[in-house]
PDB file of N, CA and C in Angstrom:
ATOM      1  N   MET A   1       1.300   6.918  10.813  1.00  0.00           N
ATOM      2  CA  MET A   1       0.592   5.521  10.071  1.00  0.00           C
ATOM      3  C   MET A   1       0.093   4.531  10.800  1.00  0.00           C
ATOM      4  N   LYS A   2      -0.756   3.941  10.331  1.00  0.00           N
ATOM      5  CA  LYS A   2      -1.433   2.776  11.548  1.00  0.00           C
ATOM      6  C   LYS A   2      -1.195   1.406  10.584  1.00  0.00           C
ATOM      7  N   LEU A   3      -0.759   0.433  11.071  1.00  0.00           N
ATOM      8  CA  LEU A   3      -0.676  -0.942  10.142  1.00  0.00           C
ATOM      9  C   LEU A   3      -1.406  -1.903  10.830  1.00  0.00           C
ATOM     10  N   ASN A   4      -1.978  -2.883   9.671  1.00  0.00           N
ATOM     11  CA  ASN A   4      -2.705  -4.117  10.514  1.00  0.00           C
ATOM     12  C   ASN A   4      -2.144  -5.028   9.732  1.00  0.00           C
ATOM     13  N   THR A   5      -1.952  -6.340   9.896  1.00  0.00           N
ATOM     14  CA  THR A   5      -1.318  -7.232   8.923  1.00  0.00           C
ATOM     15  C   THR A   5      -2.272  -8.635   9.224  1.00  0.00           C
ATOM     16  N   LEU A   6      -2.494  -9.368   8.264  1.00  0.00           N
ATOM     17  CA  LEU A   6      -3.313 -10.294   8.166  1.00  0.00           C
ATOM     18  C   LEU A   6      -2.609 -11.518   7.106  1.00  0.00           C
ATOM     19  N   LEU A   7      -2.629 -12.725   8.074  1.00  0.00           N
ATOM     20  CA  LEU A   7      -2.085 -13.878   6.955  1.00  0.00           C
ATOM     21  C   LEU A   7      -3.053 -14.609   6.773  1.00  0.00           C
ATOM     22  N   GLU A   8      -3.661 -14.866   5.501  1.00  0.00           N
ATOM     23  CA  GLU A   8      -4.534 -15.881   4.825  1.00  0.00           C
ATOM     24  C   GLU A   8      -4.464 -16.836   3.918  1.00  0.00           C
ATOM     25  N   ASP A   9      -4.352 -17.921   3.759  1.00  0.00           N
ATOM     26  CA  ASP A   9      -4.093 -18.636   2.526  1.00  0.00           C
ATOM     27  C   ASP A   9      -2.684 -18.415   1.913  1.00  0.00           C
ATOM     28  N   LYS A  10      -1.589 -18.338   2.784  1.00  0.00           N
ATOM     29  CA  LYS A  10      -0.035 -18.218   2.457  1.00  0.00           C
ATOM     30  C   LYS A  10      -0.323 -16.549   1.795  1.00  0.00           C
ATOM     31  N   THR A  11      -1.331 -15.819   2.132  1.00  0.00           N
ATOM     32  CA  THR A  11      -1.245 -14.699   1.416  1.00  0.00           C
ATOM     33  C   THR A  11      -1.401 -13.430   2.749  1.00  0.00           C
ATOM     34  N   CYS A  12      -0.413 -12.415   2.676  1.00  0.00           N
ATOM     35  CA  CYS A  12      -0.287 -11.543   3.834  1.00  0.00           C
ATOM     36  C   CYS A  12      -0.597 -10.169   3.261  1.00  0.00           C
ATOM     37  N   THR A  13      -1.480  -9.685   3.994  1.00  0.00           N
ATOM     38  CA  THR A  13      -2.196  -8.350   3.617  1.00  0.00           C
ATOM     39  C   THR A  13      -2.051  -7.381   4.737  1.00  0.00           C
ATOM     40  N   ILE A  14      -1.265  -6.312   4.269  1.00  0.00           N
ATOM     41  CA  ILE A  14      -0.508  -5.222   5.092  1.00  0.00           C
ATOM     42  C   ILE A  14      -1.541  -3.958   4.710  1.00  0.00           C
ATOM     43  N   THR A  15      -2.602  -3.564   5.722  1.00  0.00           N
ATOM     44  CA  THR A  15      -3.650  -2.625   5.514  1.00  0.00           C
ATOM     45  C   THR A  15      -2.785  -1.567   6.098  1.00  0.00           C
ATOM     46  N   ILE A  16      -2.587  -0.423   5.466  1.00  0.00           N
ATOM     47  CA  ILE A  16      -1.714   1.038   5.753  1.00  0.00           C
ATOM     48  C   ILE A  16      -3.115   2.079   5.432  1.00  0.00           C
ATOM     49  N   GLU A  17      -2.834   2.800   6.727  1.00  0.00           N
ATOM     50  CA  GLU A  17      -3.721   4.281   7.149  1.00  0.00           C
ATOM     51  C   GLU A  17      -2.812   5.231   7.740  1.00  0.00           C
ATOM     52  N   GLY A  18      -2.992   6.265   7.194  1.00  0.00           N
ATOM     53  CA  GLY A  18      -2.199   7.613   7.210  1.00  0.00           C
ATOM     54  C   GLY A  18      -1.382   7.852   6.154  1.00  0.00           C
ATOM     55  N   SER A  19      -0.399   8.545   6.413  1.00  0.00           N
ATOM     56  CA  SER A  19       0.524   9.067   5.424  1.00  0.00           C
ATOM     57  C   SER A  19       1.930   8.005   5.885  1.00  0.00           C
ATOM     58  N   ILE A  20       2.536   8.015   4.366  1.00  0.00           N
ATOM     59  CA  ILE A  20       3.856   7.055   4.444  1.00  0.00           C
ATOM     60  C   ILE A  20       4.986   8.081   3.838  1.00  0.00           C
ATOM     61  N   ASP A  21       5.565   8.643   4.971  1.00  0.00           N
ATOM     62  CA  ASP A  21       6.721   9.623   4.966  1.00  0.00           C
ATOM     63  C   ASP A  21       7.893   8.732   5.298  1.00  0.00           C
ATOM     64  N   ALA A  22       9.168  10.357   5.433  1.00  0.00           N
ATOM     65  CA  ALA A  22      10.267   9.960   5.996  1.00  0.00           C
ATOM     66  C   ALA A  22      10.462   9.193   7.223  1.00  0.00           C
ATOM     67  N   LEU A  23       9.126   9.375   8.435  1.00  0.00           N
ATOM     68  CA  LEU A  23       9.314   9.200   9.533  1.00  0.00           C
ATOM     69  C   LEU A  23       8.487   7.630   9.611  1.00  0.00           C
ATOM     70  N   SER A  24       7.664   7.422   8.795  1.00  0.00           N
ATOM     71  CA  SER A  24       6.727   5.966   9.019  1.00  0.00           C
ATOM     72  C   SER A  24       7.242   5.154   8.286  1.00  0.00           C
ATOM     73  N   ALA A  25       7.859   5.520   6.922  1.00  0.00           N
ATOM     74  CA  ALA A  25       8.569   4.404   6.145  1.00  0.00           C
ATOM     75  C   ALA A  25       9.270   3.473   6.682  1.00  0.00           C
ATOM     76  N   PRO A  26      10.137   3.557   7.695  1.00  0.00           N
ATOM     77  CA  PRO A  26      10.977   2.530   8.159  1.00  0.00           C
ATOM     78  C   PRO A  26       9.793   1.395   8.968  1.00  0.00           C
ATOM     79  N   GLU A  27       8.882   1.667   9.564  1.00  0.00           N
ATOM     80  CA  GLU A  27       8.095   1.074  10.236  1.00  0.00           C
ATOM     81  C   GLU A  27       7.361   0.265   9.248  1.00  0.00           C
ATOM     82  N   LEU A  28       6.976   0.601   8.068  1.00  0.00           N
ATOM     83  CA  LEU A  28       6.307  -0.337   7.052  1.00  0.00           C
ATOM     84  C   LEU A  28       7.349  -1.342   6.045  1.00  0.00           C
ATOM     85  N   GLU A  29       8.697  -0.564   6.255  1.00  0.00           N
ATOM     86  CA  GLU A  29       9.849  -1.571   5.879  1.00  0.00           C
ATOM     87  C   GLU A  29       9.786  -2.586   6.979  1.00  0.00           C
ATOM     88  N   GLN A  30       9.703  -2.427   7.726  1.00  0.00           N
ATOM     89  CA  GLN A  30      10.084  -3.748   8.961  1.00  0.00           C
ATOM     90  C   GLN A  30       8.802  -4.615   8.901  1.00  0.00           C
ATOM     91  N   ALA A  31       7.612  -3.937   8.675  1.00  0.00           N
ATOM     92  CA  ALA A  31       6.450  -4.995   8.694  1.00  0.00           C
ATOM     93  C   ALA A  31       6.488  -6.000   7.540  1.00  0.00           C
ATOM     94  N   VAL A  32       7.203  -5.453   6.476  1.00  0.00           N
ATOM     95  CA  VAL A  32       7.146  -6.002   4.934  1.00  0.00           C
ATOM     96  C   VAL A  32       8.092  -7.216   5.427  1.00  0.00           C
ATOM     97  N   ASN A  33       9.580  -6.778   6.032  1.00  0.00           N
ATOM     98  CA  ASN A  33      10.373  -7.811   6.125  1.00  0.00           C
ATOM     99  C   ASN A  33      10.061  -8.941   6.896  1.00  0.00           C
ATOM    100  N   ASP A  34       9.317  -8.417   8.467  1.00  0.00           N
ATOM    101  CA  ASP A  34       8.720  -9.723   9.022  1.00  0.00           C
ATOM    102  C   ASP A  34       7.927 -10.170   8.606  1.00  0.00           C
ATOM    103  N   GLU A  35       6.784  -9.910   7.497  1.00  0.00           N
ATOM    104  CA  GLU A  35       6.020 -10.907   7.249  1.00  0.00           C
ATOM    105  C   GLU A  35       6.089 -11.402   5.542  1.00  0.00           C
ATOM    106  N   ALA A  36       7.344 -11.001   5.047  1.00  0.00           N
ATOM    107  CA  ALA A  36       7.331 -12.025   3.954  1.00  0.00           C
ATOM    108  C   ALA A  36       7.819 -13.331   4.012  1.00  0.00           C
ATOM    109  N   PRO A  37       8.652 -13.409   5.002  1.00  0.00           N
ATOM    110  CA  PRO A  37       9.204 -14.930   4.950  1.00  0.00           C
ATOM    111  C   PRO A  37       7.737 -15.740   5.465  1.00  0.00           C
ATOM    112  N   LYS A  38       6.862 -15.333   5.774  1.00  0.00           N
ATOM    113  CA  LYS A  38       5.416 -15.926   6.114  1.00  0.00           C
ATOM    114  C   LYS A  38       4.895 -16.423   5.205  1.00  0.00           C
ATOM    115  N   CYS A  39       5.017 -15.588   3.912  1.00  0.00           N
ATOM    116  CA  CYS A  39       3.977 -15.854   2.955  1.00  0.00           C
ATOM    117  C   CYS A  39       4.524 -15.967   1.580  1.00  0.00           C
ATOM    118  N   GLU A  40       3.432 -16.533   0.960  1.00  0.00           N
ATOM    119  CA  GLU A  40       3.790 -16.642  -0.639  1.00  0.00           C
ATOM    120  C   GLU A  40       3.635 -15.261  -1.461  1.00  0.00           C
ATOM    121  N   ASN A  41       2.477 -14.650  -0.922  1.00  0.00           N
ATOM    122  CA  ASN A  41       2.038 -13.339  -1.764  1.00  0.00           C
ATOM    123  C   ASN A  41       1.806 -12.169  -0.424  1.00  0.00           C
ATOM    124  N   MET A  42       1.791 -11.191  -1.319  1.00  0.00           N
ATOM    125  CA  MET A  42       1.856  -9.978  -0.191  1.00  0.00           C
ATOM    126  C   MET A  42       1.166  -8.677  -0.920  1.00  0.00           C
ATOM    127  N   ILE A  43      -0.088  -8.423  -0.464  1.00  0.00           N
ATOM    128  CA  ILE A  43      -0.935  -7.072  -0.700  1.00  0.00           C
ATOM    129  C   ILE A  43      -0.721  -6.229   0.368  1.00  0.00           C
ATOM    130  N   LEU A  44      -0.215  -5.054  -0.635  1.00  0.00           N
ATOM    131  CA  LEU A  44      -0.627  -3.720   0.384  1.00  0.00           C
ATOM    132  C   LEU A  44      -1.614  -3.130   0.105  1.00  0.00           C
ATOM    133  N   ASP A  45      -2.728  -2.885   1.428  1.00  0.00           N
ATOM    134  CA  ASP A  45      -3.801  -2.423   1.010  1.00  0.00           C
ATOM    135  C   ASP A  45      -3.557  -1.040   1.422  1.00  0.00           C
ATOM    136  N   MET A  46      -3.534  -0.236   0.603  1.00  0.00           N
ATOM    137  CA  MET A  46      -3.152   1.433   1.005  1.00  0.00           C
ATOM    138  C   MET A  46      -4.627   2.188   0.332  1.00  0.00           C
ATOM    139  N   SER A  47      -5.695   1.782   0.736  1.00  0.00           N
ATOM    140  CA  SER A  47      -6.957   2.563   0.554  1.00  0.00           C
ATOM    141  C   SER A  47      -7.151   3.291   1.530  1.00  0.00           C
ATOM    142  N   GLY A  48      -6.537   3.365   2.730  1.00  0.00           N
ATOM    143  CA  GLY A  48      -6.419   4.343   3.695  1.00  0.00           C
ATOM    144  C   GLY A  48      -5.204   5.164   3.744  1.00  0.00           C
ATOM    145  N   VAL A  49      -4.521   5.440   2.805  1.00  0.00           N
ATOM    146  CA  VAL A  49      -3.160   6.239   2.491  1.00  0.00           C
ATOM    147  C   VAL A  49      -3.672   7.415   1.862  1.00  0.00           C
ATOM    148  N   ASP A  50      -3.004   8.536   2.412  1.00  0.00           N
ATOM    149  CA  ASP A  50      -3.319   9.800   1.787  1.00  0.00           C
ATOM    150  C   ASP A  50      -2.353  10.326   1.272  1.00  0.00           C
ATOM    151  N   TYR A  51      -0.840  10.052   1.358  1.00  0.00           N
ATOM    152  CA  TYR A  51       0.029  10.697   1.277  1.00  0.00           C
ATOM    153  C   TYR A  51       1.375   9.410   0.994  1.00  0.00           C
ATOM    154  N   ILE A  52       1.924   9.637  -0.111  1.00  0.00           N
ATOM    155  CA  ILE A  52       3.430   8.757   0.060  1.00  0.00           C
ATOM    156  C   ILE A  52       4.630   9.859  -0.324  1.00  0.00           C
ATOM    157  N   SER A  53       5.837   9.188   0.431  1.00  0.00           N
ATOM    158  CA  SER A  53       6.739  10.462  -0.303  1.00  0.00           C
ATOM    159  C   SER A  53       7.628   9.456  -0.798  1.00  0.00           C
ATOM    160  N   SER A  54       9.172   9.770  -1.177  1.00  0.00           N
ATOM    161  CA  SER A  54       9.731   9.262  -1.699  1.00  0.00           C
ATOM    162  C   SER A  54      10.312   7.737  -0.851  1.00  0.00           C
ATOM    163  N   GLY A  55      10.840   8.118   0.254  1.00  0.00           N
ATOM    164  CA  GLY A  55      10.861   7.178   1.054  1.00  0.00           C
ATOM    165  C   GLY A  55      10.233   6.259   1.154  1.00  0.00           C
ATOM    166  N   GLY A  56       8.589   6.373   0.945  1.00  0.00           N
ATOM    167  CA  GLY A  56       7.438   5.280   1.121  1.00  0.00           C
ATOM    168  C   GLY A  56       7.654   4.620  -0.353  1.00  0.00           C
ATOM    169  N   LEU A  57       7.714   5.508  -1.376  1.00  0.00           N
ATOM    170  CA  LEU A  57       7.734   4.813  -2.565  1.00  0.00           C
ATOM    171  C   LEU A  57       9.260   3.542  -2.818  1.00  0.00           C
ATOM    172  N   ARG A  58      10.014   3.996  -2.084  1.00  0.00           N
ATOM    173  CA  ARG A  58      11.401   3.098  -1.739  1.00  0.00           C
ATOM    174  C   ARG A  58      10.961   1.816  -1.263  1.00  0.00           C
ATOM    175  N   VAL A  59      10.476   2.037  -0.070  1.00  0.00           N
ATOM    176  CA  VAL A  59       9.683   0.800   0.221  1.00  0.00           C
ATOM    177  C   VAL A  59       8.922  -0.282  -0.313  1.00  0.00           C
ATOM    178  N   VAL A  60       8.022   0.477  -1.089  1.00  0.00           N
ATOM    179  CA  VAL A  60       7.372  -0.111  -1.637  1.00  0.00           C
ATOM    180  C   VAL A  60       7.908  -0.900  -2.982  1.00  0.00           C
ATOM    181  N   VAL A  61       8.739  -0.042  -3.621  1.00  0.00           N
ATOM    182  CA  VAL A  61       9.732  -0.975  -4.832  1.00  0.00           C
ATOM    183  C   VAL A  61      10.371  -1.716  -4.180  1.00  0.00           C
ATOM    184  N   GLY A  62      10.947  -1.772  -2.966  1.00  0.00           N
ATOM    185  CA  GLY A  62      11.861  -2.681  -2.181  1.00  0.00           C
ATOM    186  C   GLY A  62      10.906  -3.937  -1.601  1.00  0.00           C
ATOM    187  N   ALA A  63       9.733  -3.604  -1.399  1.00  0.00           N
ATOM    188  CA  ALA A  63       8.704  -4.740  -1.196  1.00  0.00           C
ATOM    189  C   ALA A  63       8.554  -5.739  -2.535  1.00  0.00           C
ATOM    190  N   ASN A  64       8.507  -5.006  -3.391  1.00  0.00           N
ATOM    191  CA  ASN A  64       8.337  -5.620  -4.521  1.00  0.00           C
ATOM    192  C   ASN A  64       9.204  -6.606  -5.078  1.00  0.00           C
ATOM    193  N   HIS A  65      10.330  -6.091  -5.095  1.00  0.00           N
ATOM    194  CA  HIS A  65      11.685  -6.849  -5.378  1.00  0.00           C
ATOM    195  C   HIS A  65      11.761  -8.123  -4.164  1.00  0.00           C
ATOM    196  N   THR A  66      11.545  -7.812  -2.599  1.00  0.00           N
ATOM    197  CA  THR A  66      11.616  -8.761  -1.867  1.00  0.00           C
ATOM    198  C   THR A  66      10.636 -10.112  -1.987  1.00  0.00           C
ATOM    199  N   VAL A  67       9.616  -9.770  -2.299  1.00  0.00           N
ATOM    200  CA  VAL A  67       8.041 -10.538  -2.808  1.00  0.00           C
ATOM    201  C   VAL A  67       8.466 -10.892  -3.859  1.00  0.00           C
ATOM    202  N   GLY A  68       9.005 -10.441  -4.999  1.00  0.00           N
ATOM    203  CA  GLY A  68       8.574 -10.985  -6.188  1.00  0.00           C
ATOM    204  C   GLY A  68       7.537 -10.239  -6.963  1.00  0.00           C
ATOM    205  N   LYS A  69       7.825  -9.673  -8.302  1.00  0.00           N
ATOM    206  CA  LYS A  69       6.470  -8.917  -8.901  1.00  0.00           C
ATOM    207  C   LYS A  69       5.729  -9.858  -9.082  1.00  0.00           C
ATOM    208  N   GLU A  70       5.496 -11.113  -9.413  1.00  0.00           N
ATOM    209  CA  GLU A  70       4.367 -11.850  -9.537  1.00  0.00           C
ATOM    210  C   GLU A  70       3.800 -12.034  -8.186  1.00  0.00           C
ATOM    211  N   ASN A  71       4.036 -11.953  -6.986  1.00  0.00           N
ATOM    212  CA  ASN A  71       3.552 -12.188  -6.113  1.00  0.00           C
ATOM    213  C   ASN A  71       3.126 -11.290  -4.853  1.00  0.00           C
ATOM    214  N   PHE A  72       3.324  -9.457  -5.798  1.00  0.00           N
ATOM    215  CA  PHE A  72       2.885  -8.483  -4.866  1.00  0.00           C
ATOM    216  C   PHE A  72       2.053  -7.584  -5.278  1.00  0.00           C
ATOM    217  N   LYS A  73       1.310  -7.265  -4.822  1.00  0.00           N
ATOM    218  CA  LYS A  73       0.078  -6.245  -5.363  1.00  0.00           C
ATOM    219  C   LYS A  73       0.059  -5.074  -4.442  1.00  0.00           C
ATOM    220  N   LEU A  74      -0.496  -4.156  -5.072  1.00  0.00           N
ATOM    221  CA  LEU A  74      -0.994  -2.493  -4.454  1.00  0.00           C
ATOM    222  C   LEU A  74      -2.418  -2.766  -4.713  1.00  0.00           C
ATOM    223  N   ARG A  75      -3.206  -2.491  -3.732  1.00  0.00           N
ATOM    224  CA  ARG A  75      -4.632  -2.354  -3.707  1.00  0.00           C
ATOM    225  C   ARG A  75      -5.312  -0.665  -3.110  1.00  0.00           C
ATOM    226  N   GLY A  76      -6.245  -0.215  -3.880  1.00  0.00           N
ATOM    227  CA  GLY A  76      -7.072   0.521  -3.143  1.00  0.00           C
ATOM    228  C   GLY A  76      -6.182   2.342  -3.005  1.00  0.00           C
ATOM    229  N   LEU A  77      -5.510   2.378  -4.448  1.00  0.00           N
ATOM    230  CA  LEU A  77      -4.887   3.487  -3.983  1.00  0.00           C
ATOM    231  C   LEU A  77      -5.751   4.511  -4.405  1.00  0.00           C
ATOM    232  N   ALA A  78      -5.582   5.865  -3.546  1.00  0.00           N
ATOM    233  CA  ALA A  78      -6.389   7.071  -3.638  1.00  0.00           C
ATOM    234  C   ALA A  78      -5.876   7.593  -5.103  1.00  0.00           C
ATOM    235  N   PRO A  79      -6.897   8.500  -5.502  1.00  0.00           N
ATOM    236  CA  PRO A  79      -6.155   9.112  -6.849  1.00  0.00           C
ATOM    237  C   PRO A  79      -4.710   9.821  -6.998  1.00  0.00           C
ATOM    238  N   ASN A  80      -4.678  10.332  -5.787  1.00  0.00           N
ATOM    239  CA  ASN A  80      -3.618  11.536  -5.688  1.00  0.00           C
ATOM    240  C   ASN A  80      -2.322  10.181  -5.414  1.00  0.00           C
ATOM    241  N   VAL A  81      -2.449   9.520  -4.523  1.00  0.00           N
ATOM    242  CA  VAL A  81      -1.433   8.482  -4.333  1.00  0.00           C
ATOM    243  C   VAL A  81      -1.105   7.869  -5.590  1.00  0.00           C
ATOM    244  N   LEU A  82      -2.150   7.661  -6.280  1.00  0.00           N
ATOM    245  CA  LEU A  82      -1.771   6.536  -7.847  1.00  0.00           C
ATOM    246  C   LEU A  82      -1.048   7.540  -8.419  1.00  0.00           C
ATOM    247  N   GLU A  83      -1.354   9.122  -8.806  1.00  0.00           N
ATOM    248  CA  GLU A  83      -0.768   9.619  -9.578  1.00  0.00           C
ATOM    249  C   GLU A  83       0.655   9.878  -9.060  1.00  0.00           C
ATOM    250  N   ILE A  84       1.208   9.616  -8.036  1.00  0.00           N
ATOM    251  CA  ILE A  84       2.506   9.952  -7.960  1.00  0.00           C
ATOM    252  C   ILE A  84       2.992   8.595  -8.282  1.00  0.00           C
ATOM    253  N   PHE A  85       2.538   7.341  -8.104  1.00  0.00           N
ATOM    254  CA  PHE A  85       3.024   6.234  -8.936  1.00  0.00           C
ATOM    255  C   PHE A  85       3.090   6.359 -10.376  1.00  0.00           C
ATOM    256  N   ARG A  86       2.073   7.183 -10.881  1.00  0.00           N
ATOM    257  CA  ARG A  86       2.038   7.290 -12.372  1.00  0.00           C
ATOM    258  C   ARG A  86       3.448   8.265 -12.841  1.00  0.00           C
ATOM    259  N   MET A  87       3.523   9.182 -11.988  1.00  0.00           N
ATOM    260  CA  MET A  87       4.631  10.250 -12.278  1.00  0.00           C
ATOM    261  C   MET A  87       6.136   9.603 -12.396  1.00  0.00           C
ATOM    262  N   THR A  88       6.041   8.661 -11.389  1.00  0.00           N
ATOM    263  CA  THR A  88       7.503   8.123 -11.148  1.00  0.00           C
ATOM    264  C   THR A  88       7.819   7.103 -12.348  1.00  0.00           C
ATOM    265  N   GLY A  89       6.711   6.772 -12.765  1.00  0.00           N
ATOM    266  CA  GLY A  89       6.716   5.526 -14.071  1.00  0.00           C
ATOM    267  C   GLY A  89       6.410   4.182 -13.237  1.00  0.00           C
ATOM    268  N   PHE A  90       6.611   4.058 -11.791  1.00  0.00           N
ATOM    269  CA  PHE A  90       6.574   2.921 -11.113  1.00  0.00           C
ATOM    270  C   PHE A  90       5.007   1.738 -11.376  1.00  0.00           C
ATOM    271  N   THR A  91       4.018   2.544 -12.264  1.00  0.00           N
ATOM    272  CA  THR A  91       2.993   1.828 -12.716  1.00  0.00           C
ATOM    273  C   THR A  91       3.407   0.965 -13.660  1.00  0.00           C
ATOM    274  N   LYS A  92       4.336   1.107 -14.394  1.00  0.00           N
ATOM    275  CA  LYS A  92       5.124  -0.016 -15.237  1.00  0.00           C
ATOM    276  C   LYS A  92       5.529  -1.332 -14.517  1.00  0.00           C
ATOM    277  N   TYR A  93       5.899  -1.016 -13.445  1.00  0.00           N
ATOM    278  CA  TYR A  93       6.874  -2.097 -12.656  1.00  0.00           C
ATOM    279  C   TYR A  93       6.174  -2.902 -11.438  1.00  0.00           C
ATOM    280  N   LEU A  94       5.013  -2.190 -11.168  1.00  0.00           N
ATOM    281  CA  LEU A  94       4.057  -2.718  -9.877  1.00  0.00           C
ATOM    282  C   LEU A  94       2.562  -2.950 -10.212  1.00  0.00           C
ATOM    283  N   THR A  95       2.259  -4.148  -9.714  1.00  0.00           N
ATOM    284  CA  THR A  95       0.849  -4.621 -10.202  1.00  0.00           C
ATOM    285  C   THR A  95      -0.210  -3.819  -8.998  1.00  0.00           C
ATOM    286  N   ILE A  96      -1.042  -3.131  -9.766  1.00  0.00           N
ATOM    287  CA  ILE A  96      -2.009  -2.210  -9.057  1.00  0.00           C
ATOM    288  C   ILE A  96      -3.132  -2.602  -9.293  1.00  0.00           C
ATOM    289  N   GLU A  97      -4.160  -2.918  -8.325  1.00  0.00           N
ATOM    290  CA  GLU A  97      -5.240  -3.300  -8.423  1.00  0.00           C
ATOM    291  C   GLU A  97      -6.371  -2.072  -8.012  1.00  0.00           C
TER     292      GLU A  97
END
């Protein structure tokens, strides 16, 4: 997994490439925790994500809680990744663009 972070106008965008699995989820969690105090809004750009495990889902849901539902968005989910969010019911609780 590769991460790139951008802070612009009080919005943090974390761009993710690759798989979010048990090995890489802690790295994403650390990035979210490092960036959250710096910004009012957070976007996880997941257009480069090809797979997400339950550990990755946990990090995304935790980020939603940390940043706040009104200020947290997911962007660019591939159809197979979006399907995982649908199957788990998380699409009801997360803002997905």
